[in-house]
Amino acid sequence: MLPLLLLLVFGIIDFGRMLNTQIRLTEAAREGARAVTITNSNAAAAPRVTAVLGSTPVSVGITNPCGSAGSTADARVRVEHAFTFVTPISGLAALFGGTGYGTVRLDATGVMPCRS
C-alpha cells in the first residue's frame, strides 16, 4: 500500500509543479508578444520573458511581421523550457512526452495583434 500512496503523492507534487511552470510560460510568452507589438522590436521580447520567468532557463522564438505599415498580422513569441522532475516519479516521464530521463519539454506561444 505504501508504494501506491507514495506514487500518488509524488505524482501530485510533480504535476502541480509542471502545471505551475506551464502557466508561467504562457504568461511569459504573452508578455513577450506584447513587448514586441508595443516596441515593434524583436529585441524587446527576450528581456521581457526573462523578467516574467526570473531565472528559469528558456529558449525564445519570435515571429514579428509588425514592421510593415498597416500590417494586420500577429506577432508570435514561442517560449520553450525543459521541465525536470524532483521526485522519483521521473521514471514515468516518458508517458508524458519526456525527452530524457526525468525531463519533459514544455512550450507556450503568445500571440498579439500588431499595432497599426
N, C-alpha and C. Protein backbone atom coordinates (compact mmCIF):
# COMPACT_ATOMS: atom_id res chain seq x y z
N MET A 1 0.82 -1.19 0.00
CA MET A 1 0.00 0.00 0.00
C MET A 1 0.87 1.27 0.00
N LEU A 2 1.98 1.23 0.71
CA LEU A 2 2.86 2.40 0.79
C LEU A 2 3.40 2.82 -0.59
N PRO A 3 3.86 1.88 -1.44
CA PRO A 3 4.36 2.32 -2.76
C PRO A 3 3.28 3.03 -3.59
N LEU A 4 2.05 2.56 -3.51
CA LEU A 4 0.97 3.19 -4.24
C LEU A 4 0.69 4.59 -3.70
N LEU A 5 0.70 4.74 -2.40
CA LEU A 5 0.48 6.05 -1.78
C LEU A 5 1.61 7.02 -2.14
N LEU A 6 2.86 6.56 -2.11
CA LEU A 6 3.99 7.41 -2.47
C LEU A 6 3.94 7.81 -3.94
N LEU A 7 3.54 6.88 -4.80
CA LEU A 7 3.39 7.20 -6.22
C LEU A 7 2.35 8.29 -6.42
N LEU A 8 1.26 8.20 -5.70
CA LEU A 8 0.21 9.21 -5.80
C LEU A 8 0.70 10.57 -5.28
N VAL A 9 1.36 10.60 -4.15
CA VAL A 9 1.86 11.86 -3.57
C VAL A 9 2.92 12.49 -4.47
N PHE A 10 3.88 11.68 -4.95
CA PHE A 10 4.92 12.21 -5.83
C PHE A 10 4.32 12.72 -7.13
N GLY A 11 3.31 12.02 -7.65
CA GLY A 11 2.63 12.47 -8.87
C GLY A 11 1.95 13.81 -8.67
N ILE A 12 1.30 13.99 -7.55
CA ILE A 12 0.63 15.25 -7.25
C ILE A 12 1.64 16.39 -7.14
N ILE A 13 2.76 16.14 -6.49
CA ILE A 13 3.79 17.17 -6.32
C ILE A 13 4.34 17.60 -7.68
N ASP A 14 4.78 16.63 -8.49
CA ASP A 14 5.39 16.99 -9.76
C ASP A 14 4.39 17.51 -10.77
N PHE A 15 3.16 16.98 -10.78
CA PHE A 15 2.15 17.50 -11.69
C PHE A 15 1.82 18.95 -11.33
N GLY A 16 1.73 19.26 -10.06
CA GLY A 16 1.48 20.63 -9.63
C GLY A 16 2.58 21.57 -10.05
N ARG A 17 3.83 21.14 -9.90
CA ARG A 17 4.97 21.96 -10.33
C ARG A 17 4.96 22.16 -11.83
N MET A 18 4.64 21.07 -12.58
CA MET A 18 4.63 21.16 -14.03
C MET A 18 3.51 22.09 -14.51
N LEU A 19 2.34 22.01 -13.90
CA LEU A 19 1.23 22.89 -14.27
C LEU A 19 1.57 24.35 -13.97
N ASN A 20 2.18 24.60 -12.83
CA ASN A 20 2.61 25.96 -12.48
C ASN A 20 3.62 26.50 -13.49
N THR A 21 4.57 25.67 -13.89
CA THR A 21 5.56 26.09 -14.87
C THR A 21 4.90 26.39 -16.21
N GLN A 22 3.94 25.56 -16.62
CA GLN A 22 3.24 25.79 -17.88
C GLN A 22 2.48 27.12 -17.86
N ILE A 23 1.84 27.41 -16.76
CA ILE A 23 1.10 28.68 -16.62
C ILE A 23 2.06 29.86 -16.69
N ARG A 24 3.20 29.75 -16.02
CA ARG A 24 4.20 30.83 -16.06
C ARG A 24 4.77 31.01 -17.47
N LEU A 25 4.99 29.91 -18.19
CA LEU A 25 5.49 30.01 -19.56
C LEU A 25 4.47 30.71 -20.47
N THR A 26 3.21 30.38 -20.29
CA THR A 26 2.16 31.02 -21.08
C THR A 26 2.12 32.51 -20.81
N GLU A 27 2.20 32.89 -19.55
CA GLU A 27 2.21 34.31 -19.19
C GLU A 27 3.43 35.02 -19.78
N ALA A 28 4.58 34.38 -19.70
CA ALA A 28 5.80 34.99 -20.24
C ALA A 28 5.73 35.15 -21.76
N ALA A 29 5.16 34.16 -22.45
CA ALA A 29 5.03 34.25 -23.90
C ALA A 29 4.10 35.40 -24.29
N ARG A 30 3.01 35.55 -23.57
CA ARG A 30 2.10 36.65 -23.85
C ARG A 30 2.77 38.01 -23.61
N GLU A 31 3.49 38.11 -22.52
CA GLU A 31 4.19 39.36 -22.22
C GLU A 31 5.26 39.67 -23.27
N GLY A 32 5.96 38.62 -23.74
CA GLY A 32 6.96 38.82 -24.79
C GLY A 32 6.32 39.30 -26.08
N ALA A 33 5.19 38.70 -26.45
CA ALA A 33 4.49 39.13 -27.67
C ALA A 33 3.97 40.56 -27.51
N ARG A 34 3.50 40.89 -26.35
CA ARG A 34 3.03 42.26 -26.09
C ARG A 34 4.18 43.25 -26.23
N ALA A 35 5.35 42.90 -25.69
CA ALA A 35 6.51 43.78 -25.79
C ALA A 35 6.93 43.98 -27.24
N VAL A 36 6.83 42.93 -28.06
CA VAL A 36 7.19 43.05 -29.47
C VAL A 36 6.23 44.00 -30.18
N THR A 37 4.94 43.87 -29.92
CA THR A 37 3.97 44.73 -30.63
C THR A 37 4.04 46.18 -30.17
N ILE A 38 4.35 46.41 -28.92
CA ILE A 38 4.43 47.78 -28.42
C ILE A 38 5.68 48.49 -28.95
N THR A 39 6.82 47.80 -28.91
CA THR A 39 8.08 48.43 -29.32
C THR A 39 8.41 48.20 -30.78
N ASN A 40 7.70 47.25 -31.42
CA ASN A 40 7.98 46.86 -32.81
C ASN A 40 9.44 46.43 -32.97
N SER A 41 9.95 45.74 -31.96
CA SER A 41 11.34 45.29 -31.97
C SER A 41 11.42 43.88 -31.38
N ASN A 42 12.11 43.00 -32.08
CA ASN A 42 12.30 41.64 -31.57
C ASN A 42 13.17 41.64 -30.32
N ALA A 43 14.04 42.61 -30.18
CA ALA A 43 14.95 42.66 -29.04
C ALA A 43 14.23 42.87 -27.72
N ALA A 44 12.99 43.33 -27.76
CA ALA A 44 12.24 43.58 -26.52
C ALA A 44 11.65 42.32 -25.92
N ALA A 45 11.52 41.26 -26.71
CA ALA A 45 10.82 40.06 -26.24
C ALA A 45 11.61 39.28 -25.19
N ALA A 46 12.84 38.94 -25.50
CA ALA A 46 13.62 38.09 -24.59
C ALA A 46 13.81 38.71 -23.21
N PRO A 47 14.15 40.00 -23.08
CA PRO A 47 14.26 40.57 -21.74
C PRO A 47 12.94 40.55 -20.97
N ARG A 48 11.83 40.75 -21.68
CA ARG A 48 10.52 40.74 -21.01
C ARG A 48 10.17 39.33 -20.54
N VAL A 49 10.45 38.33 -21.37
CA VAL A 49 10.21 36.93 -20.98
C VAL A 49 11.05 36.58 -19.77
N THR A 50 12.32 36.98 -19.79
CA THR A 50 13.21 36.71 -18.65
C THR A 50 12.73 37.42 -17.40
N ALA A 51 12.21 38.64 -17.53
CA ALA A 51 11.72 39.38 -16.36
C ALA A 51 10.52 38.68 -15.74
N VAL A 52 9.66 38.09 -16.56
CA VAL A 52 8.47 37.41 -16.04
C VAL A 52 8.85 36.08 -15.38
N LEU A 53 9.76 35.33 -16.01
CA LEU A 53 10.11 34.00 -15.51
C LEU A 53 11.20 34.00 -14.45
N GLY A 54 11.94 35.05 -14.34
CA GLY A 54 13.04 35.05 -13.38
C GLY A 54 14.21 34.27 -13.92
N SER A 55 14.70 33.32 -13.16
CA SER A 55 15.90 32.59 -13.55
C SER A 55 15.62 31.28 -14.28
N THR A 56 14.37 31.02 -14.66
CA THR A 56 14.03 29.79 -15.37
C THR A 56 14.67 29.81 -16.76
N PRO A 57 15.50 28.80 -17.09
CA PRO A 57 16.16 28.79 -18.40
C PRO A 57 15.16 28.45 -19.51
N VAL A 58 15.06 29.30 -20.52
CA VAL A 58 14.13 29.10 -21.63
C VAL A 58 14.80 29.45 -22.94
N SER A 59 14.20 28.99 -24.03
CA SER A 59 14.58 29.47 -25.35
C SER A 59 13.39 30.21 -25.92
N VAL A 60 13.65 31.30 -26.61
CA VAL A 60 12.60 32.19 -27.11
C VAL A 60 12.70 32.28 -28.62
N GLY A 61 11.58 32.01 -29.29
CA GLY A 61 11.50 32.17 -30.74
C GLY A 61 10.49 33.27 -31.07
N ILE A 62 10.83 34.16 -32.00
CA ILE A 62 9.99 35.33 -32.27
C ILE A 62 9.64 35.39 -33.75
N THR A 63 8.36 35.60 -34.05
CA THR A 63 7.90 35.90 -35.40
C THR A 63 7.24 37.26 -35.34
N ASN A 64 7.86 38.26 -35.98
CA ASN A 64 7.38 39.63 -35.88
C ASN A 64 7.13 40.22 -37.26
N PRO A 65 5.90 40.13 -37.75
CA PRO A 65 5.58 40.75 -39.04
C PRO A 65 5.07 42.18 -38.88
N CYS A 66 5.23 42.77 -37.71
CA CYS A 66 4.64 44.07 -37.42
C CYS A 66 5.35 45.25 -38.08
N GLY A 67 6.49 45.04 -38.69
CA GLY A 67 7.26 46.15 -39.22
C GLY A 67 6.64 46.84 -40.42
N SER A 68 5.84 46.12 -41.22
CA SER A 68 5.27 46.74 -42.41
C SER A 68 4.09 47.63 -42.04
N ALA A 69 3.93 48.70 -42.74
CA ALA A 69 2.86 49.67 -42.46
C ALA A 69 1.50 49.04 -42.73
N GLY A 70 0.58 49.23 -41.82
CA GLY A 70 -0.78 48.71 -41.98
C GLY A 70 -0.88 47.20 -41.85
N SER A 71 0.09 46.58 -41.23
CA SER A 71 0.08 45.13 -41.09
C SER A 71 -1.07 44.69 -40.18
N THR A 72 -1.77 43.64 -40.61
CA THR A 72 -2.85 43.08 -39.80
C THR A 72 -2.46 41.73 -39.23
N ALA A 73 -1.21 41.38 -39.36
CA ALA A 73 -0.73 40.09 -38.86
C ALA A 73 -0.54 40.14 -37.36
N ASP A 74 -0.19 39.00 -36.79
CA ASP A 74 0.03 38.89 -35.35
C ASP A 74 1.50 38.60 -35.06
N ALA A 75 2.00 39.19 -34.00
CA ALA A 75 3.34 38.87 -33.52
C ALA A 75 3.23 37.62 -32.65
N ARG A 76 4.16 36.70 -32.82
CA ARG A 76 4.14 35.45 -32.06
C ARG A 76 5.48 35.27 -31.33
N VAL A 77 5.38 34.89 -30.07
CA VAL A 77 6.57 34.56 -29.28
C VAL A 77 6.37 33.18 -28.72
N ARG A 78 7.30 32.28 -29.00
CA ARG A 78 7.24 30.90 -28.50
C ARG A 78 8.34 30.71 -27.47
N VAL A 79 7.95 30.21 -26.31
CA VAL A 79 8.87 30.01 -25.20
C VAL A 79 8.93 28.51 -24.91
N GLU A 80 10.14 27.94 -24.81
CA GLU A 80 10.32 26.53 -24.52
C GLU A 80 11.18 26.36 -23.27
N HIS A 81 10.88 25.29 -22.52
CA HIS A 81 11.59 25.02 -21.27
C HIS A 81 11.65 23.51 -21.05
N ALA A 82 12.77 23.02 -20.59
CA ALA A 82 12.91 21.60 -20.24
C ALA A 82 12.60 21.44 -18.76
N PHE A 83 11.41 20.94 -18.45
CA PHE A 83 10.98 20.77 -17.06
C PHE A 83 11.61 19.51 -16.50
N THR A 84 12.18 19.60 -15.30
CA THR A 84 12.81 18.46 -14.64
C THR A 84 12.02 18.08 -13.39
N PHE A 85 11.72 16.81 -13.28
CA PHE A 85 11.01 16.31 -12.10
C PHE A 85 11.94 16.28 -10.90
N VAL A 86 11.38 16.47 -9.71
CA VAL A 86 12.20 16.45 -8.49
C VAL A 86 11.94 15.21 -7.65
N THR A 87 10.92 14.46 -7.98
CA THR A 87 10.60 13.26 -7.20
C THR A 87 10.99 12.02 -8.00
N PRO A 88 10.98 10.86 -7.37
CA PRO A 88 11.34 9.62 -8.08
C PRO A 88 10.37 9.22 -9.18
N ILE A 89 9.30 9.95 -9.35
CA ILE A 89 8.34 9.63 -10.41
C ILE A 89 8.90 9.95 -11.79
N SER A 90 10.07 10.53 -11.85
CA SER A 90 10.67 10.94 -13.12
C SER A 90 10.84 9.78 -14.09
N GLY A 91 10.88 8.56 -13.60
CA GLY A 91 10.98 7.40 -14.49
C GLY A 91 9.76 7.25 -15.37
N LEU A 92 8.64 7.83 -14.97
CA LEU A 92 7.41 7.76 -15.76
C LEU A 92 7.26 8.95 -16.71
N ALA A 93 8.27 9.78 -16.80
CA ALA A 93 8.19 10.99 -17.63
C ALA A 93 7.95 10.66 -19.10
N ALA A 94 8.37 9.47 -19.53
CA ALA A 94 8.16 9.09 -20.93
C ALA A 94 6.68 9.02 -21.28
N LEU A 95 5.84 8.74 -20.30
CA LEU A 95 4.39 8.69 -20.54
C LEU A 95 3.83 10.07 -20.86
N PHE A 96 4.50 11.12 -20.41
CA PHE A 96 4.05 12.49 -20.63
C PHE A 96 4.83 13.18 -21.74
N GLY A 97 5.46 12.42 -22.60
CA GLY A 97 6.22 13.01 -23.70
C GLY A 97 7.62 13.41 -23.29
N GLY A 98 8.21 12.68 -22.37
CA GLY A 98 9.54 13.01 -21.87
C GLY A 98 10.60 12.92 -22.94
N THR A 99 11.57 13.81 -22.88
CA THR A 99 12.66 13.83 -23.85
C THR A 99 13.90 13.13 -23.32
N GLY A 100 13.94 12.84 -22.09
CA GLY A 100 15.08 12.18 -21.47
C GLY A 100 14.66 11.74 -20.09
N TYR A 101 15.54 11.12 -19.35
CA TYR A 101 15.17 10.64 -18.03
C TYR A 101 14.88 11.82 -17.11
N GLY A 102 13.64 11.95 -16.73
CA GLY A 102 13.26 12.98 -15.77
C GLY A 102 12.98 14.34 -16.33
N THR A 103 12.89 14.50 -17.65
CA THR A 103 12.59 15.81 -18.21
C THR A 103 11.43 15.73 -19.20
N VAL A 104 10.68 16.81 -19.28
CA VAL A 104 9.60 16.97 -20.24
C VAL A 104 9.74 18.35 -20.86
N ARG A 105 9.60 18.43 -22.18
CA ARG A 105 9.70 19.71 -22.88
C ARG A 105 8.34 20.40 -22.81
N LEU A 106 8.32 21.59 -22.20
CA LEU A 106 7.11 22.41 -22.13
C LEU A 106 7.28 23.61 -23.04
N ASP A 107 6.20 24.03 -23.69
CA ASP A 107 6.28 25.22 -24.52
C ASP A 107 4.96 25.98 -24.46
N ALA A 108 5.04 27.25 -24.81
CA ALA A 108 3.87 28.12 -24.85
C ALA A 108 4.08 29.16 -25.95
N THR A 109 2.99 29.57 -26.57
CA THR A 109 3.05 30.57 -27.61
C THR A 109 2.15 31.73 -27.25
N GLY A 110 2.71 32.94 -27.30
CA GLY A 110 1.93 34.14 -27.06
C GLY A 110 1.69 34.85 -28.39
N VAL A 111 0.46 35.27 -28.62
CA VAL A 111 0.08 35.93 -29.87
C VAL A 111 -0.58 37.26 -29.54
N MET A 112 -0.11 38.32 -30.18
CA MET A 112 -0.70 39.66 -30.01
C MET A 112 -0.85 40.30 -31.38
N PRO A 113 -1.93 41.01 -31.61
CA PRO A 113 -2.11 41.69 -32.90
C PRO A 113 -1.15 42.87 -33.02
N CYS A 114 -0.66 43.09 -34.22
CA CYS A 114 0.23 44.22 -34.47
C CYS A 114 -0.54 45.52 -34.33
N ARG A 115 0.14 46.52 -33.79
CA ARG A 115 -0.47 47.85 -33.69
C ARG A 115 -0.30 48.55 -35.03
N SER A 116 -1.32 49.27 -35.42
CA SER A 116 -1.22 49.97 -36.71
C SER A 116 -0.84 51.41 -36.51
